[in-house]
C-alpha atoms as a PDB file:
ATOM      1  CA  MET A   1      60.233  20.257  -7.765  1.00  0.00           C
ATOM      2  CA  PHE A   2      61.879  20.555  -3.674  1.00  0.00           C
ATOM      3  CA  LYS A   3      64.719  23.069  -2.819  1.00  0.00           C
ATOM      4  CA  HIS A   4      65.015  22.762   0.677  1.00  0.00           C
ATOM      5  CA  LEU A   5      65.040  19.076   2.310  1.00  0.00           C
ATOM      6  CA  LEU A   6      64.999  18.039   5.736  1.00  0.00           C
ATOM      7  CA  VAL A   7      66.372  14.918   7.142  1.00  0.00           C
ATOM      8  CA  PRO A   8      66.412  13.833  10.620  1.00  0.00           C
ATOM      9  CA  THR A   9      68.604  11.245  11.779  1.00  0.00           C
ATOM     10  CA  ASP A  10      68.960   8.935  14.926  1.00  0.00           C
ATOM     11  CA  GLY A  11      72.231   7.367  14.221  1.00  0.00           C
ATOM     12  CA  SER A  12      70.458   4.122  12.329  1.00  0.00           C
ATOM     13  CA  ALA A  13      71.178   2.228   9.722  1.00  0.00           C
ATOM     14  CA  LEU A  14      67.765   3.206   8.110  1.00  0.00           C
ATOM     15  CA  SER A  15      68.451   7.067   9.021  1.00  0.00           C
ATOM     16  CA  GLU A  16      71.437   6.036   6.633  1.00  0.00           C
ATOM     17  CA  ALA A  17      68.999   5.090   3.921  1.00  0.00           C
ATOM     18  CA  ALA A  18      67.324   8.206   4.676  1.00  0.00           C
ATOM     19  CA  ILE A  19      70.216  10.344   4.154  1.00  0.00           C
ATOM     20  CA  GLN A  20      71.327   8.912   0.928  1.00  0.00           C
ATOM     21  CA  MET A  21      67.425   9.274  -0.713  1.00  0.00           C
ATOM     22  CA  THR A  22      67.464  12.920   0.595  1.00  0.00           C
ATOM     23  CA  VAL A  23      71.010  13.163  -1.359  1.00  0.00           C
ATOM     24  CA  THR A  24      69.888  11.904  -3.944  1.00  0.00           C
ATOM     25  CA  LEU A  25      66.511  13.765  -4.230  1.00  0.00           C
ATOM     26  CA  ALA A  26      68.937  17.197  -3.505  1.00  0.00           C
ATOM     27  CA  VAL A  27      70.970  16.596  -6.559  1.00  0.00           C
ATOM     28  CA  GLU A  28      68.015  15.727  -8.870  1.00  0.00           C
ATOM     29  CA  ASN A  29      66.148  18.659  -7.560  1.00  0.00           C
ATOM     30  CA  GLY A  30      69.214  21.416  -7.153  1.00  0.00           C
ATOM     31  CA  ALA A  31      67.993  21.411  -3.733  1.00  0.00           C
ATOM     32  CA  LYS A  32      69.738  21.918  -0.461  1.00  0.00           C
ATOM     33  CA  VAL A  33      69.979  19.821   2.538  1.00  0.00           C
ATOM     34  CA  THR A  34      69.548  20.640   6.238  1.00  0.00           C
ATOM     35  CA  GLY A  35      70.397  17.549   8.841  1.00  0.00           C
ATOM     36  CA  LEU A  36      68.523  17.334  12.338  1.00  0.00           C
ATOM     37  CA  HIS A  37      69.194  15.291  15.273  1.00  0.00           C
ATOM     38  CA  VAL A  38      67.060  15.723  18.394  1.00  0.00           C
ATOM     39  CA  ILE A  39      68.947  15.303  21.729  1.00  0.00           C
ATOM     40  CA  PRO A  40      66.797  13.930  24.252  1.00  0.00           C
ATOM     41  CA  GLU A  41      65.919  16.654  27.307  1.00  0.00           C
ATOM     42  CA  PHE A  42      67.847  15.580  30.245  1.00  0.00           C
ATOM     43  CA  HIS A  43      65.746  13.122  32.544  1.00  0.00           C
ATOM     44  CA  ILE A  44      67.297  11.154  35.602  1.00  0.00           C
ATOM     45  CA  LEU A  45      66.071  10.420  38.674  1.00  0.00           C
ATOM     46  CA  ALA A  46      68.733  10.086  41.498  1.00  0.00           C
ATOM     47  CA  TYR A  47      69.171   9.407  45.220  1.00  0.00           C
ATOM     48  CA  GLY A  48      71.188  12.503  46.058  1.00  0.00           C
ATOM     49  CA  THR A  49      71.987  15.974  44.300  1.00  0.00           C
ATOM     50  CA  GLU A  50      75.719  14.952  43.870  1.00  0.00           C
ATOM     51  CA  MET A  51      74.873  11.779  41.704  1.00  0.00           C
ATOM     52  CA  ILE A  52      72.808  13.718  39.750  1.00  0.00           C
ATOM     53  CA  ALA A  53      75.092  17.134  38.850  1.00  0.00           C
ATOM     54  CA  ASP A  54      77.976  14.480  38.183  1.00  0.00           C
ATOM     55  CA  ASN A  55      76.021  12.409  35.942  1.00  0.00           C
ATOM     56  CA  GLU A  56      74.325  15.163  34.345  1.00  0.00           C
ATOM     57  CA  ASP A  57      77.559  16.893  33.108  1.00  0.00           C
ATOM     58  CA  ARG A  58      79.052  13.637  31.561  1.00  0.00           C
ATOM     59  CA  ILE A  59      75.704  12.365  29.715  1.00  0.00           C
ATOM     60  CA  ILE A  60      74.822  16.093  27.921  1.00  0.00           C
ATOM     61  CA  GLU A  61      78.076  15.964  26.816  1.00  0.00           C
ATOM     62  CA  ALA A  62      77.977  12.109  25.472  1.00  0.00           C
ATOM     63  CA  ALA A  63      74.532  13.652  23.916  1.00  0.00           C
ATOM     64  CA  ARG A  64      76.071  16.140  21.941  1.00  0.00           C
ATOM     65  CA  LYS A  65      79.485  14.001  20.781  1.00  0.00           C
ATOM     66  CA  ARG A  66      76.540  11.569  19.424  1.00  0.00           C
ATOM     67  CA  ALA A  67      74.637  14.510  17.687  1.00  0.00           C
ATOM     68  CA  ASP A  68      77.942  15.799  15.817  1.00  0.00           C
ATOM     69  CA  ASP A  69      78.860  11.958  14.968  1.00  0.00           C
ATOM     70  CA  TYR A  70      75.497  11.246  13.582  1.00  0.00           C
ATOM     71  CA  LEU A  71      75.528  15.155  11.577  1.00  0.00           C
ATOM     72  CA  ALA A  72      78.687  14.520  10.556  1.00  0.00           C
ATOM     73  CA  VAL A  73      77.532  11.506   8.061  1.00  0.00           C
ATOM     74  CA  ILE A  74      75.128  13.910   6.471  1.00  0.00           C
ATOM     75  CA  LYS A  75      77.670  16.476   6.104  1.00  0.00           C
ATOM     76  CA  ARG A  76      80.060  14.018   4.232  1.00  0.00           C
ATOM     77  CA  ALA A  77      77.051  12.473   2.042  1.00  0.00           C
ATOM     78  CA  ALA A  78      76.118  15.708   0.682  1.00  0.00           C
ATOM     79  CA  ALA A  79      79.562  16.905   0.352  1.00  0.00           C
ATOM     80  CA  GLN A  80      80.196  14.014  -1.700  1.00  0.00           C
ATOM     81  CA  ALA A  81      77.592  14.830  -3.695  1.00  0.00           C
ATOM     82  CA  GLY A  82      78.210  18.612  -4.095  1.00  0.00           C
ATOM     83  CA  VAL A  83      74.752  19.649  -2.555  1.00  0.00           C
ATOM     84  CA  GLU A  84      74.639  22.396   0.008  1.00  0.00           C
ATOM     85  CA  CYS A  85      73.855  21.532   3.597  1.00  0.00           C
ATOM     86  CA  ASN A  86      73.859  22.644   6.872  1.00  0.00           C
ATOM     87  CA  THR A  87      73.029  20.356  10.579  1.00  0.00           C
ATOM     88  CA  VAL A  88      71.358  21.331  13.567  1.00  0.00           C
ATOM     89  CA  ALA A  89      71.265  19.916  17.132  1.00  0.00           C
ATOM     90  CA  VAL A  90      68.467  20.671  19.205  1.00  0.00           C
ATOM     91  CA  ASN A  91      67.105  19.848  22.458  1.00  0.00           C
ATOM     92  CA  ARG A  92      63.306  18.339  22.483  1.00  0.00           C
ATOM     93  CA  ALA A  93      61.502  15.799  24.787  1.00  0.00           C
ATOM     94  CA  HIS A  94      59.216  15.176  21.859  1.00  0.00           C
ATOM     95  CA  PRO A  95      61.430  14.612  18.795  1.00  0.00           C
ATOM     96  CA  TYR A  96      58.424  14.847  16.407  1.00  0.00           C
ATOM     97  CA  GLU A  97      58.030  18.389  17.574  1.00  0.00           C
ATOM     98  CA  ALA A  98      61.542  19.426  17.005  1.00  0.00           C
ATOM     99  CA  ILE A  99      61.077  18.163  13.224  1.00  0.00           C
ATOM    100  CA  ILE A 100      57.906  20.357  12.358  1.00  0.00           C
ATOM    101  CA  SER A 101      59.589  23.193  14.104  1.00  0.00           C
ATOM    102  CA  VAL A 102      62.971  22.994  12.443  1.00  0.00           C
ATOM    103  CA  ALA A 103      61.176  22.209   9.140  1.00  0.00           C
ATOM    104  CA  ALA A 104      59.281  25.263   9.413  1.00  0.00           C
ATOM    105  CA  GLN A 105      62.375  27.792  11.089  1.00  0.00           C
ATOM    106  CA  GLN A 106      64.661  26.641   7.906  1.00  0.00           C
ATOM    107  CA  ASP A 107      61.586  27.092   5.410  1.00  0.00           C
ATOM    108  CA  CYS A 108      62.266  23.580   4.077  1.00  0.00           C
ATOM    109  CA  ASP A 109      59.630  22.307   1.681  1.00  0.00           C
ATOM    110  CA  LEU A 110      59.902  18.104   2.228  1.00  0.00           C
ATOM    111  CA  ILE A 111      60.754  16.247   5.148  1.00  0.00           C
ATOM    112  CA  VAL A 112      62.611  12.633   4.001  1.00  0.00           C
ATOM    113  CA  MET A 113      62.776  10.893   7.191  1.00  0.00           C
ATOM    114  CA  ALA A 114      62.792   6.709   8.392  1.00  0.00           C
ATOM    115  CA  SER A 115      60.187   4.472   9.737  1.00  0.00           C
ATOM    116  CA  HIS A 116      60.997   1.319  11.717  1.00  0.00           C
ATOM    117  CA  GLY A 117      57.802   0.110  10.676  1.00  0.00           C
ATOM    118  CA  ARG A 118      57.086  -1.493  14.523  1.00  0.00           C
ATOM    119  CA  SER A 119      53.616  -2.061  14.409  1.00  0.00           C
ATOM    120  CA  GLY A 120      51.231  -3.618  16.896  1.00  0.00           C
ATOM    121  CA  MET A 121      52.262  -3.312  21.076  1.00  0.00           C
ATOM    122  CA  ARG A 122      55.695  -2.091  19.986  1.00  0.00           C
ATOM    123  CA  ALA A 123      54.356   0.500  18.018  1.00  0.00           C
ATOM    124  CA  PHE A 124      51.743   1.675  20.984  1.00  0.00           C
ATOM    125  CA  LEU A 125      54.929   1.239  23.661  1.00  0.00           C
ATOM    126  CA  LEU A 126      57.675   3.105  21.836  1.00  0.00           C
ATOM    127  CA  GLY A 127      55.344   5.863  19.750  1.00  0.00           C
ATOM    128  CA  SER A 128      56.198   6.810  16.303  1.00  0.00           C
ATOM    129  CA  GLU A 129      58.134   9.394  15.863  1.00  0.00           C
ATOM    130  CA  THR A 130      57.457   8.984  12.020  1.00  0.00           C
ATOM    131  CA  GLN A 131      53.533   8.569  12.516  1.00  0.00           C
ATOM    132  CA  LYS A 132      53.124  11.868  14.500  1.00  0.00           C
ATOM    133  CA  VAL A 133      54.794  13.562  12.309  1.00  0.00           C
ATOM    134  CA  LEU A 134      52.952  12.313   9.330  1.00  0.00           C
ATOM    135  CA  THR A 135      49.924  13.538  11.663  1.00  0.00           C
ATOM    136  CA  HIS A 136      51.098  17.272  12.547  1.00  0.00           C
ATOM    137  CA  SER A 137      53.218  18.225   9.926  1.00  0.00           C
ATOM    138  CA  GLN A 138      52.059  20.720   7.054  1.00  0.00           C
ATOM    139  CA  ILE A 139      55.265  19.984   4.611  1.00  0.00           C
ATOM    140  CA  PRO A 140      54.995  17.328   2.357  1.00  0.00           C
ATOM    141  CA  ILE A 141      56.644  13.922   4.200  1.00  0.00           C
ATOM    142  CA  LEU A 142      58.668  10.994   2.107  1.00  0.00           C
ATOM    143  CA  VAL A 143      58.799   7.944   4.554  1.00  0.00           C
ATOM    144  CA  VAL A 144      61.582   5.473   4.236  1.00  0.00           C
ATOM    145  CA  ARG A 145      61.147   1.877   5.068  1.00  0.00           C
ATOM    146  CA  GLN A 146      63.059  -0.265   5.535  1.00  0.00           C
ATOM    147  CA  SER A 147      63.208  -2.653   2.709  1.00  0.00           C
ATOM    148  CA  THR A 148      63.028  -7.111   3.050  1.00  0.00           C
ATOM    149  CA  PRO A 149      63.540  -9.515   0.581  1.00  0.00           C
ATOM    150  CA  ALA A 150      61.509 -10.156  -1.820  1.00  0.00           C
ATOM    151  CA  GLY A 151      59.059 -13.220  -0.797  1.00  0.00           C
ATOM    152  CA  SER A 152      59.822 -12.509   2.971  1.00  0.00           C
ATOM    153  CA  ARG A 153      56.685 -11.023   3.954  1.00  0.00           C
ATOM    154  CA  THR A 154      54.830 -12.619   7.122  1.00  0.00           C
ATOM    155  CA  ALA A 155      51.959  -9.824   7.127  1.00  0.00           C
ATOM    156  CA  PRO A 156      50.053  -9.406   3.558  1.00  0.00           C
ATOM    157  CA  PRO A 157      50.984  -5.713   2.428  1.00  0.00           C
END
């Protein structure tokens, strides 16, 4: 059914659950996987240009290293399952835009992504990249949610 799956990661445990779901779906469908990490654009307010120049290089290098580490998790999971996999790291201020753009560029037919399940004020203040992808994407999306033990819900479903 699906032949090319995109899985964005932010390095969280929930993203790792989405990676495992993606690899499982890829095996079942004979699909390939593209892993994505969106590196935030560099923005800093500082007093003095010397501070900016010195910190910018270190911050960018650390962000690229983190992206490589996150994407290595996807590569390993795919390799262990015998699934074809490529990875992409892009810089973008709005991750949801990058997710939709890379999915289209790579000709993906399903996006599998985690949702941290933020609600209320936290969702309003932090935003939900998953919600934004759901709103703007023309490509089907499978959302992997954090599981809760049976009977531990604090609110009705």
